[in-house]
Amino acid sequence: KAQFGMWAMFASPLFMSVDLRTITQEALDILKNKNVI
């Protein structure tokens, strides 16, 4: 959460580097948070 939130604050490019075939729902929910995006 901290990395995703800070990268949003930095106006950073958001490039995931994760195996999306096995990603947990918990992590996916972070990456899909519309308010943070």
PDB file of all heavy atoms in Angstrom:
ATOM      1  N   LYS A   1       0.836  -1.205   0.000  1.00  0.00           N
ATOM      2  CA  LYS A   1       0.000   0.000   0.000  1.00  0.00           C
ATOM      3  C   LYS A   1       0.869   1.252   0.000  1.00  0.00           C
ATOM      4  O   LYS A   1       0.580   2.219  -0.720  1.00  0.00           O
ATOM      5  CB  LYS A   1      -0.915   0.028   1.228  1.00  0.00           C
ATOM      6  CG  LYS A   1      -2.133  -0.844   1.141  1.00  0.00           C
ATOM      7  CD  LYS A   1      -2.981  -0.726   2.401  1.00  0.00           C
ATOM      8  CE  LYS A   1      -3.470   0.698   2.633  1.00  0.00           C
ATOM      9  NZ  LYS A   1      -4.323   0.802   3.845  1.00  0.00           N
ATOM     10  N   ALA A   2       1.922   1.221   0.800  1.00  0.00           N
ATOM     11  CA  ALA A   2       2.786   2.401   0.908  1.00  0.00           C
ATOM     12  C   ALA A   2       3.457   2.703  -0.426  1.00  0.00           C
ATOM     13  O   ALA A   2       3.504   3.858  -0.862  1.00  0.00           O
ATOM     14  CB  ALA A   2       3.830   2.194   2.003  1.00  0.00           C
ATOM     15  N   GLN A   3       3.992   1.671  -1.096  1.00  0.00           N
ATOM     16  CA  GLN A   3       4.635   1.946  -2.379  1.00  0.00           C
ATOM     17  C   GLN A   3       3.633   2.479  -3.391  1.00  0.00           C
ATOM     18  O   GLN A   3       3.887   3.470  -4.081  1.00  0.00           O
ATOM     19  CB  GLN A   3       5.327   0.710  -2.966  1.00  0.00           C
ATOM     20  CG  GLN A   3       6.225   1.120  -4.128  1.00  0.00           C
ATOM     21  CD  GLN A   3       6.553   0.040  -5.134  1.00  0.00           C
ATOM     22  OE1 GLN A   3       6.025  -1.066  -5.084  1.00  0.00           O
ATOM     23  NE2 GLN A   3       7.432   0.354  -6.061  1.00  0.00           N
ATOM     24  N   PHE A   4       2.481   1.828  -3.491  1.00  0.00           N
ATOM     25  CA  PHE A   4       1.497   2.258  -4.477  1.00  0.00           C
ATOM     26  C   PHE A   4       1.019   3.679  -4.182  1.00  0.00           C
ATOM     27  O   PHE A   4       0.892   4.514  -5.093  1.00  0.00           O
ATOM     28  CB  PHE A   4       0.318   1.288  -4.491  1.00  0.00           C
ATOM     29  CG  PHE A   4      -0.576   1.455  -5.680  1.00  0.00           C
ATOM     30  CD1 PHE A   4      -0.089   1.318  -6.965  1.00  0.00           C
ATOM     31  CD2 PHE A   4      -1.924   1.750  -5.512  1.00  0.00           C
ATOM     32  CE1 PHE A   4      -0.919   1.465  -8.069  1.00  0.00           C
ATOM     33  CE2 PHE A   4      -2.758   1.902  -6.608  1.00  0.00           C
ATOM     34  CZ  PHE A   4      -2.254   1.758  -7.888  1.00  0.00           C
ATOM     35  N   GLY A   5       0.772   3.980  -2.916  1.00  0.00           N
ATOM     36  CA  GLY A   5       0.316   5.317  -2.551  1.00  0.00           C
ATOM     37  C   GLY A   5       1.357   6.384  -2.825  1.00  0.00           C
ATOM     38  O   GLY A   5       1.035   7.466  -3.339  1.00  0.00           O
ATOM     39  N   MET A   6       2.615   6.099  -2.509  1.00  0.00           N
ATOM     40  CA  MET A   6       3.658   7.089  -2.745  1.00  0.00           C
ATOM     41  C   MET A   6       3.930   7.268  -4.231  1.00  0.00           C
ATOM     42  O   MET A   6       4.168   8.376  -4.700  1.00  0.00           O
ATOM     43  CB  MET A   6       4.940   6.702  -2.005  1.00  0.00           C
ATOM     44  CG  MET A   6       4.853   6.832  -0.488  1.00  0.00           C
ATOM     45  SD  MET A   6       4.306   8.469   0.092  1.00  0.00           S
ATOM     46  CE  MET A   6       5.596   9.519  -0.569  1.00  0.00           C
ATOM     47  N   TRP A   7       3.884   6.191  -5.005  1.00  0.00           N
ATOM     48  CA  TRP A   7       4.069   6.328  -6.455  1.00  0.00           C
ATOM     49  C   TRP A   7       2.927   7.155  -7.059  1.00  0.00           C
ATOM     50  O   TRP A   7       3.152   7.921  -7.998  1.00  0.00           O
ATOM     51  CB  TRP A   7       4.170   4.954  -7.109  1.00  0.00           C
ATOM     52  CG  TRP A   7       5.551   4.423  -7.296  1.00  0.00           C
ATOM     53  CD1 TRP A   7       6.065   3.913  -8.452  1.00  0.00           C
ATOM     54  CD2 TRP A   7       6.623   4.333  -6.329  1.00  0.00           C
ATOM     55  NE1 TRP A   7       7.372   3.504  -8.260  1.00  0.00           N
ATOM     56  CE2 TRP A   7       7.745   3.755  -6.983  1.00  0.00           C
ATOM     57  CE3 TRP A   7       6.744   4.676  -4.984  1.00  0.00           C
ATOM     58  CZ2 TRP A   7       8.958   3.525  -6.325  1.00  0.00           C
ATOM     59  CZ3 TRP A   7       7.940   4.455  -4.332  1.00  0.00           C
ATOM     60  CH2 TRP A   7       9.025   3.898  -4.991  1.00  0.00           C
ATOM     61  N   ALA A   8       1.733   7.017  -6.501  1.00  0.00           N
ATOM     62  CA  ALA A   8       0.635   7.871  -6.954  1.00  0.00           C
ATOM     63  C   ALA A   8       0.919   9.327  -6.616  1.00  0.00           C
ATOM     64  O   ALA A   8       0.696  10.232  -7.433  1.00  0.00           O
ATOM     65  CB  ALA A   8      -0.685   7.424  -6.315  1.00  0.00           C
ATOM     66  N   MET A   9       1.427   9.575  -5.431  1.00  0.00           N
ATOM     67  CA  MET A   9       1.759  10.934  -5.030  1.00  0.00           C
ATOM     68  C   MET A   9       2.869  11.522  -5.894  1.00  0.00           C
ATOM     69  O   MET A   9       2.880  12.724  -6.192  1.00  0.00           O
ATOM     70  CB  MET A   9       2.189  10.951  -3.563  1.00  0.00           C
ATOM     71  CG  MET A   9       1.080  10.684  -2.561  1.00  0.00           C
ATOM     72  SD  MET A   9      -0.100  12.049  -2.445  1.00  0.00           S
ATOM     73  CE  MET A   9       0.866  13.251  -1.525  1.00  0.00           C
ATOM     74  N   PHE A  10       3.805  10.687  -6.327  1.00  0.00           N
ATOM     75  CA  PHE A  10       4.921  11.164  -7.138  1.00  0.00           C
ATOM     76  C   PHE A  10       4.537  11.451  -8.588  1.00  0.00           C
ATOM     77  O   PHE A  10       5.395  11.861  -9.374  1.00  0.00           O
ATOM     78  CB  PHE A  10       6.053  10.129  -7.141  1.00  0.00           C
ATOM     79  CG  PHE A  10       6.751   9.958  -5.820  1.00  0.00           C
ATOM     80  CD1 PHE A  10       7.341   8.742  -5.492  1.00  0.00           C
ATOM     81  CD2 PHE A  10       6.838  10.994  -4.906  1.00  0.00           C
ATOM     82  CE1 PHE A  10       7.996   8.568  -4.280  1.00  0.00           C
ATOM     83  CE2 PHE A  10       7.479  10.831  -3.690  1.00  0.00           C
ATOM     84  CZ  PHE A  10       8.064   9.610  -3.378  1.00  0.00           C
ATOM     85  N   ALA A  11       3.275  11.242  -8.955  1.00  0.00           N
ATOM     86  CA  ALA A  11       2.885  11.325 -10.371  1.00  0.00           C
ATOM     87  C   ALA A  11       3.818  10.430 -11.187  1.00  0.00           C
ATOM     88  O   ALA A  11       4.293  10.785 -12.261  1.00  0.00           O
ATOM     89  CB  ALA A  11       2.912  12.761 -10.893  1.00  0.00           C
ATOM     90  N   SER A  12       4.084   9.252 -10.633  1.00  0.00           N
ATOM     91  CA  SER A  12       5.018   8.317 -11.245  1.00  0.00           C
ATOM     92  C   SER A  12       4.332   7.478 -12.306  1.00  0.00           C
ATOM     93  O   SER A  12       3.139   7.165 -12.177  1.00  0.00           O
ATOM     94  CB  SER A  12       5.576   7.386 -10.160  1.00  0.00           C
ATOM     95  OG  SER A  12       6.194   6.248 -10.730  1.00  0.00           O
ATOM     96  N   PRO A  13       5.062   7.062 -13.337  1.00  0.00           N
ATOM     97  CA  PRO A  13       4.553   5.975 -14.156  1.00  0.00           C
ATOM     98  C   PRO A  13       4.227   4.777 -13.264  1.00  0.00           C
ATOM     99  O   PRO A  13       4.971   4.473 -12.328  1.00  0.00           O
ATOM    100  CB  PRO A  13       5.728   5.662 -15.091  1.00  0.00           C
ATOM    101  CG  PRO A  13       6.520   6.931 -15.141  1.00  0.00           C
ATOM    102  CD  PRO A  13       6.387   7.544 -13.780  1.00  0.00           C
ATOM    103  N   LEU A  14       3.127   4.115 -13.534  1.00  0.00           N
ATOM    104  CA  LEU A  14       2.715   2.952 -12.749  1.00  0.00           C
ATOM    105  C   LEU A  14       2.889   1.703 -13.603  1.00  0.00           C
ATOM    106  O   LEU A  14       1.998   1.315 -14.364  1.00  0.00           O
ATOM    107  CB  LEU A  14       1.260   3.094 -12.286  1.00  0.00           C
ATOM    108  CG  LEU A  14       0.942   4.267 -11.365  1.00  0.00           C
ATOM    109  CD1 LEU A  14      -0.531   4.263 -10.980  1.00  0.00           C
ATOM    110  CD2 LEU A  14       1.822   4.247 -10.105  1.00  0.00           C
ATOM    111  N   PHE A  15       4.070   1.084 -13.482  1.00  0.00           N
ATOM    112  CA  PHE A  15       4.348  -0.129 -14.231  1.00  0.00           C
ATOM    113  C   PHE A  15       4.475  -1.301 -13.258  1.00  0.00           C
ATOM    114  O   PHE A  15       5.432  -1.385 -12.490  1.00  0.00           O
ATOM    115  CB  PHE A  15       5.624   0.024 -15.063  1.00  0.00           C
ATOM    116  CG  PHE A  15       5.413   0.833 -16.309  1.00  0.00           C
ATOM    117  CD1 PHE A  15       5.762   2.174 -16.349  1.00  0.00           C
ATOM    118  CD2 PHE A  15       4.842   0.258 -17.428  1.00  0.00           C
ATOM    119  CE1 PHE A  15       5.542   2.932 -17.489  1.00  0.00           C
ATOM    120  CE2 PHE A  15       4.614   1.009 -18.576  1.00  0.00           C
ATOM    121  CZ  PHE A  15       4.966   2.351 -18.612  1.00  0.00           C
ATOM    122  N   MET A  16       3.482  -2.164 -13.289  1.00  0.00           N
ATOM    123  CA  MET A  16       3.511  -3.374 -12.485  1.00  0.00           C
ATOM    124  C   MET A  16       4.636  -4.279 -12.987  1.00  0.00           C
ATOM    125  O   MET A  16       4.919  -4.323 -14.182  1.00  0.00           O
ATOM    126  CB  MET A  16       2.189  -4.133 -12.608  1.00  0.00           C
ATOM    127  CG  MET A  16       0.958  -3.316 -12.305  1.00  0.00           C
ATOM    128  SD  MET A  16      -0.576  -4.231 -12.678  1.00  0.00           S
ATOM    129  CE  MET A  16      -0.544  -4.227 -14.492  1.00  0.00           C
ATOM    130  N   SER A  17       5.264  -5.020 -12.070  1.00  0.00           N
ATOM    131  CA  SER A  17       6.200  -6.062 -12.463  1.00  0.00           C
ATOM    132  C   SER A  17       5.932  -7.261 -11.567  1.00  0.00           C
ATOM    133  O   SER A  17       6.619  -7.490 -10.573  1.00  0.00           O
ATOM    134  CB  SER A  17       7.650  -5.587 -12.359  1.00  0.00           C
ATOM    135  OG  SER A  17       8.516  -6.493 -13.017  1.00  0.00           O
ATOM    136  N   VAL A  18       4.898  -7.993 -11.921  1.00  0.00           N
ATOM    137  CA  VAL A  18       4.370  -9.073 -11.096  1.00  0.00           C
ATOM    138  C   VAL A  18       3.808 -10.126 -12.038  1.00  0.00           C
ATOM    139  O   VAL A  18       3.407  -9.815 -13.159  1.00  0.00           O
ATOM    140  CB  VAL A  18       3.277  -8.537 -10.139  1.00  0.00           C
ATOM    141  CG1 VAL A  18       2.136  -7.883 -10.910  1.00  0.00           C
ATOM    142  CG2 VAL A  18       2.735  -9.628  -9.223  1.00  0.00           C
ATOM    143  N   ASP A  19       3.784 -11.375 -11.587  1.00  0.00           N
ATOM    144  CA  ASP A  19       3.156 -12.426 -12.381  1.00  0.00           C
ATOM    145  C   ASP A  19       1.649 -12.327 -12.197  1.00  0.00           C
ATOM    146  O   ASP A  19       1.102 -12.740 -11.172  1.00  0.00           O
ATOM    147  CB  ASP A  19       3.675 -13.799 -11.958  1.00  0.00           C
ATOM    148  CG  ASP A  19       3.279 -14.895 -12.941  1.00  0.00           C
ATOM    149  OD1 ASP A  19       2.301 -14.692 -13.698  1.00  0.00           O
ATOM    150  OD2 ASP A  19       3.940 -15.946 -12.954  1.00  0.00           O
ATOM    151  N   LEU A  20       0.977 -11.770 -13.181  1.00  0.00           N
ATOM    152  CA  LEU A  20      -0.463 -11.554 -13.087  1.00  0.00           C
ATOM    153  C   LEU A  20      -1.252 -12.853 -13.137  1.00  0.00           C
ATOM    154  O   LEU A  20      -2.436 -12.877 -12.801  1.00  0.00           O
ATOM    155  CB  LEU A  20      -0.921 -10.617 -14.210  1.00  0.00           C
ATOM    156  CG  LEU A  20      -0.392  -9.183 -14.123  1.00  0.00           C
ATOM    157  CD1 LEU A  20      -0.752  -8.410 -15.385  1.00  0.00           C
ATOM    158  CD2 LEU A  20      -0.944  -8.463 -12.885  1.00  0.00           C
ATOM    159  N   ARG A  21      -0.607 -13.943 -13.513  1.00  0.00           N
ATOM    160  CA  ARG A  21      -1.280 -15.241 -13.544  1.00  0.00           C
ATOM    161  C   ARG A  21      -1.470 -15.812 -12.146  1.00  0.00           C
ATOM    162  O   ARG A  21      -2.335 -16.673 -11.931  1.00  0.00           O
ATOM    163  CB  ARG A  21      -0.488 -16.218 -14.408  1.00  0.00           C
ATOM    164  CG  ARG A  21      -0.330 -15.793 -15.860  1.00  0.00           C
ATOM    165  CD  ARG A  21       0.739 -16.586 -16.596  1.00  0.00           C
ATOM    166  NE  ARG A  21       2.069 -16.388 -16.012  1.00  0.00           N
ATOM    167  CZ  ARG A  21       3.201 -16.737 -16.616  1.00  0.00           C
ATOM    168  NH1 ARG A  21       3.169 -17.280 -17.827  1.00  0.00           N
ATOM    169  NH2 ARG A  21       4.368 -16.540 -16.029  1.00  0.00           N
ATOM    170  N   THR A  22      -0.658 -15.350 -11.193  1.00  0.00           N
ATOM    171  CA  THR A  22      -0.705 -15.903  -9.843  1.00  0.00           C
ATOM    172  C   THR A  22      -0.874 -14.824  -8.779  1.00  0.00           C
ATOM    173  O   THR A  22      -0.744 -15.111  -7.591  1.00  0.00           O
ATOM    174  CB  THR A  22       0.585 -16.694  -9.551  1.00  0.00           C
ATOM    175  OG1 THR A  22       1.720 -15.836  -9.706  1.00  0.00           O
ATOM    176  CG2 THR A  22       0.714 -17.879 -10.490  1.00  0.00           C
ATOM    177  N   ILE A  23      -1.160 -13.594  -9.161  1.00  0.00           N
ATOM    178  CA  ILE A  23      -1.252 -12.498  -8.205  1.00  0.00           C
ATOM    179  C   ILE A  23      -2.371 -12.741  -7.194  1.00  0.00           C
ATOM    180  O   ILE A  23      -3.426 -13.294  -7.525  1.00  0.00           O
ATOM    181  CB  ILE A  23      -1.465 -11.151  -8.945  1.00  0.00           C
ATOM    182  CG1 ILE A  23      -1.288  -9.972  -7.980  1.00  0.00           C
ATOM    183  CG2 ILE A  23      -2.808 -11.117  -9.661  1.00  0.00           C
ATOM    184  CD1 ILE A  23      -1.288  -8.616  -8.682  1.00  0.00           C
ATOM    185  N   THR A  24      -2.136 -12.346  -5.946  1.00  0.00           N
ATOM    186  CA  THR A  24      -3.160 -12.499  -4.917  1.00  0.00           C
ATOM    187  C   THR A  24      -4.239 -11.444  -5.088  1.00  0.00           C
ATOM    188  O   THR A  24      -4.002 -10.372  -5.641  1.00  0.00           O
ATOM    189  CB  THR A  24      -2.551 -12.372  -3.517  1.00  0.00           C
ATOM    190  OG1 THR A  24      -2.074 -11.026  -3.330  1.00  0.00           O
ATOM    191  CG2 THR A  24      -1.409 -13.357  -3.309  1.00  0.00           C
ATOM    192  N   GLN A  25      -5.416 -11.745  -4.598  1.00  0.00           N
ATOM    193  CA  GLN A  25      -6.501 -10.767  -4.664  1.00  0.00           C
ATOM    194  C   GLN A  25      -6.166  -9.534  -3.847  1.00  0.00           C
ATOM    195  O   GLN A  25      -6.520  -8.407  -4.214  1.00  0.00           O
ATOM    196  CB  GLN A  25      -7.806 -11.391  -4.152  1.00  0.00           C
ATOM    197  CG  GLN A  25      -9.037 -10.516  -4.352  1.00  0.00           C
ATOM    198  CD  GLN A  25      -9.312 -10.235  -5.811  1.00  0.00           C
ATOM    199  OE1 GLN A  25      -9.321 -11.151  -6.635  1.00  0.00           O
ATOM    200  NE2 GLN A  25      -9.544  -8.970  -6.159  1.00  0.00           N
ATOM    201  N   GLU A  26      -5.467  -9.724  -2.740  1.00  0.00           N
ATOM    202  CA  GLU A  26      -5.074  -8.609  -1.874  1.00  0.00           C
ATOM    203  C   GLU A  26      -4.218  -7.603  -2.630  1.00  0.00           C
ATOM    204  O   GLU A  26      -4.452  -6.391  -2.577  1.00  0.00           O
ATOM    205  CB  GLU A  26      -4.313  -9.183  -0.679  1.00  0.00           C
ATOM    206  CG  GLU A  26      -4.005  -8.199   0.415  1.00  0.00           C
ATOM    207  CD  GLU A  26      -3.344  -8.892   1.590  1.00  0.00           C
ATOM    208  OE1 GLU A  26      -2.208  -9.389   1.432  1.00  0.00           O
ATOM    209  OE2 GLU A  26      -3.962  -8.950   2.669  1.00  0.00           O
ATOM    210  N   ALA A  27      -3.212  -8.115  -3.356  1.00  0.00           N
ATOM    211  CA  ALA A  27      -2.343  -7.230  -4.128  1.00  0.00           C
ATOM    212  C   ALA A  27      -3.100  -6.615  -5.298  1.00  0.00           C
ATOM    213  O   ALA A  27      -2.921  -5.437  -5.626  1.00  0.00           O
ATOM    214  CB  ALA A  27      -1.126  -7.991  -4.625  1.00  0.00           C
ATOM    215  N   LEU A  28      -3.946  -7.401  -5.943  1.00  0.00           N
ATOM    216  CA  LEU A  28      -4.714  -6.895  -7.078  1.00  0.00           C
ATOM    217  C   LEU A  28      -5.633  -5.762  -6.659  1.00  0.00           C
ATOM    218  O   LEU A  28      -5.786  -4.770  -7.384  1.00  0.00           O
ATOM    219  CB  LEU A  28      -5.521  -8.036  -7.698  1.00  0.00           C
ATOM    220  CG  LEU A  28      -6.261  -7.718  -8.994  1.00  0.00           C
ATOM    221  CD1 LEU A  28      -5.295  -7.309 -10.097  1.00  0.00           C
ATOM    222  CD2 LEU A  28      -7.092  -8.927  -9.425  1.00  0.00           C
ATOM    223  N   ASP A  29      -6.215  -5.887  -5.476  1.00  0.00           N
ATOM    224  CA  ASP A  29      -7.098  -4.823  -4.993  1.00  0.00           C
ATOM    225  C   ASP A  29      -6.339  -3.513  -4.804  1.00  0.00           C
ATOM    226  O   ASP A  29      -6.884  -2.427  -5.038  1.00  0.00           O
ATOM    227  CB  ASP A  29      -7.753  -5.243  -3.677  1.00  0.00           C
ATOM    228  CG  ASP A  29      -8.817  -6.319  -3.857  1.00  0.00           C
ATOM    229  OD1 ASP A  29      -9.262  -6.529  -5.001  1.00  0.00           O
ATOM    230  OD2 ASP A  29      -9.184  -6.959  -2.850  1.00  0.00           O
ATOM    231  N   ILE A  30      -5.085  -3.607  -4.377  1.00  0.00           N
ATOM    232  CA  ILE A  30      -4.265  -2.393  -4.249  1.00  0.00           C
ATOM    233  C   ILE A  30      -4.062  -1.766  -5.625  1.00  0.00           C
ATOM    234  O   ILE A  30      -4.283  -0.564  -5.825  1.00  0.00           O
ATOM    235  CB  ILE A  30      -2.917  -2.721  -3.587  1.00  0.00           C
ATOM    236  CG1 ILE A  30      -3.121  -3.120  -2.126  1.00  0.00           C
ATOM    237  CG2 ILE A  30      -1.969  -1.511  -3.684  1.00  0.00           C
ATOM    238  CD1 ILE A  30      -1.851  -3.619  -1.442  1.00  0.00           C
ATOM    239  N   LEU A  31      -3.648  -2.569  -6.582  1.00  0.00           N
ATOM    240  CA  LEU A  31      -3.339  -2.059  -7.922  1.00  0.00           C
ATOM    241  C   LEU A  31      -4.575  -1.529  -8.644  1.00  0.00           C
ATOM    242  O   LEU A  31      -4.450  -0.706  -9.558  1.00  0.00           O
ATOM    243  CB  LEU A  31      -2.693  -3.167  -8.755  1.00  0.00           C
ATOM    244  CG  LEU A  31      -1.297  -3.605  -8.301  1.00  0.00           C
ATOM    245  CD1 LEU A  31      -0.899  -4.903  -8.998  1.00  0.00           C
ATOM    246  CD2 LEU A  31      -0.266  -2.516  -8.571  1.00  0.00           C
ATOM    247  N   LYS A  32      -5.755  -1.972  -8.236  1.00  0.00           N
ATOM    248  CA  LYS A  32      -6.992  -1.568  -8.905  1.00  0.00           C
ATOM    249  C   LYS A  32      -7.738  -0.476  -8.150  1.00  0.00           C
ATOM    250  O   LYS A  32      -8.855  -0.120  -8.537  1.00  0.00           O
ATOM    251  CB  LYS A  32      -7.905  -2.776  -9.089  1.00  0.00           C
ATOM    252  CG  LYS A  32      -7.365  -3.824 -10.057  1.00  0.00           C
ATOM    253  CD  LYS A  32      -8.301  -5.007 -10.217  1.00  0.00           C
ATOM    254  CE  LYS A  32      -9.580  -4.620 -10.939  1.00  0.00           C
ATOM    255  NZ  LYS A  32     -10.437  -5.800 -11.205  1.00  0.00           N
ATOM    256  N   ASN A  33      -7.139   0.064  -7.103  1.00  0.00           N
ATOM    257  CA  ASN A  33      -7.836   1.070  -6.308  1.00  0.00           C
ATOM    258  C   ASN A  33      -8.035   2.342  -7.143  1.00  0.00           C
ATOM    259  O   ASN A  33      -7.087   3.084  -7.424  1.00  0.00           O
ATOM    260  CB  ASN A  33      -7.042   1.387  -5.038  1.00  0.00           C
ATOM    261  CG  ASN A  33      -7.832   2.232  -4.061  1.00  0.00           C
ATOM    262  OD1 ASN A  33      -8.283   3.325  -4.379  1.00  0.00           O
ATOM    263  ND2 ASN A  33      -8.013   1.714  -2.864  1.00  0.00           N
ATOM    264  N   LYS A  34      -9.271   2.593  -7.531  1.00  0.00           N
ATOM    265  CA  LYS A  34      -9.563   3.691  -8.450  1.00  0.00           C
ATOM    266  C   LYS A  34      -9.260   5.055  -7.839  1.00  0.00           C
ATOM    267  O   LYS A  34      -8.863   5.982  -8.554  1.00  0.00           O
ATOM    268  CB  LYS A  34     -11.033   3.629  -8.879  1.00  0.00           C
ATOM    269  CG  LYS A  34     -11.375   2.422  -9.719  1.00  0.00           C
ATOM    270  CD  LYS A  34     -12.841   2.437 -10.146  1.00  0.00           C
ATOM    271  CE  LYS A  34     -13.188   1.232 -11.000  1.00  0.00           C
ATOM    272  NZ  LYS A  34     -14.621   1.233 -11.403  1.00  0.00           N
ATOM    273  N   ASN A  35      -9.440   5.189  -6.540  1.00  0.00           N
ATOM    274  CA  ASN A  35      -9.199   6.484  -5.904  1.00  0.00           C
ATOM    275  C   ASN A  35      -7.710   6.830  -5.897  1.00  0.00           C
ATOM    276  O   ASN A  35      -7.329   7.987  -6.116  1.00  0.00           O
ATOM    277  CB  ASN A  35      -9.737   6.479  -4.473  1.00  0.00           C
ATOM    278  CG  ASN A  35     -11.233   6.280  -4.419  1.00  0.00           C
ATOM    279  OD1 ASN A  35     -11.966   6.749  -5.275  1.00  0.00           O
ATOM    280  ND2 ASN A  35     -11.698   5.553  -3.409  1.00  0.00           N
ATOM    281  N   VAL A  36      -6.872   5.824  -5.644  1.00  0.00           N
ATOM    282  CA  VAL A  36      -5.425   6.060  -5.655  1.00  0.00           C
ATOM    283  C   VAL A  36      -4.955   6.332  -7.081  1.00  0.00           C
ATOM    284  O   VAL A  36      -4.135   7.231  -7.321  1.00  0.00           O
ATOM    285  CB  VAL A  36      -4.681   4.867  -5.034  1.00  0.00           C
ATOM    286  CG1 VAL A  36      -3.172   5.134  -5.026  1.00  0.00           C
ATOM    287  CG2 VAL A  36      -5.171   4.602  -3.616  1.00  0.00           C
ATOM    288  N   ILE A  37      -5.475   5.561  -8.028  1.00  0.00           N
ATOM    289  CA  ILE A  37      -5.118   5.796  -9.425  1.00  0.00           C
ATOM    290  C   ILE A  37      -5.498   7.207  -9.849  1.00  0.00           C
ATOM    291  O   ILE A  37      -4.766   7.881 -10.582  1.00  0.00           O
ATOM    292  CB  ILE A  37      -5.789   4.744 -10.335  1.00  0.00           C
ATOM    293  CG1 ILE A  37      -5.169   3.363 -10.079  1.00  0.00           C
ATOM    294  CG2 ILE A  37      -5.651   5.125 -11.812  1.00  0.00           C
ATOM    295  CD1 ILE A  37      -5.883   2.225 -10.779  1.00  0.00           C
TER     296      ILE A  37
END
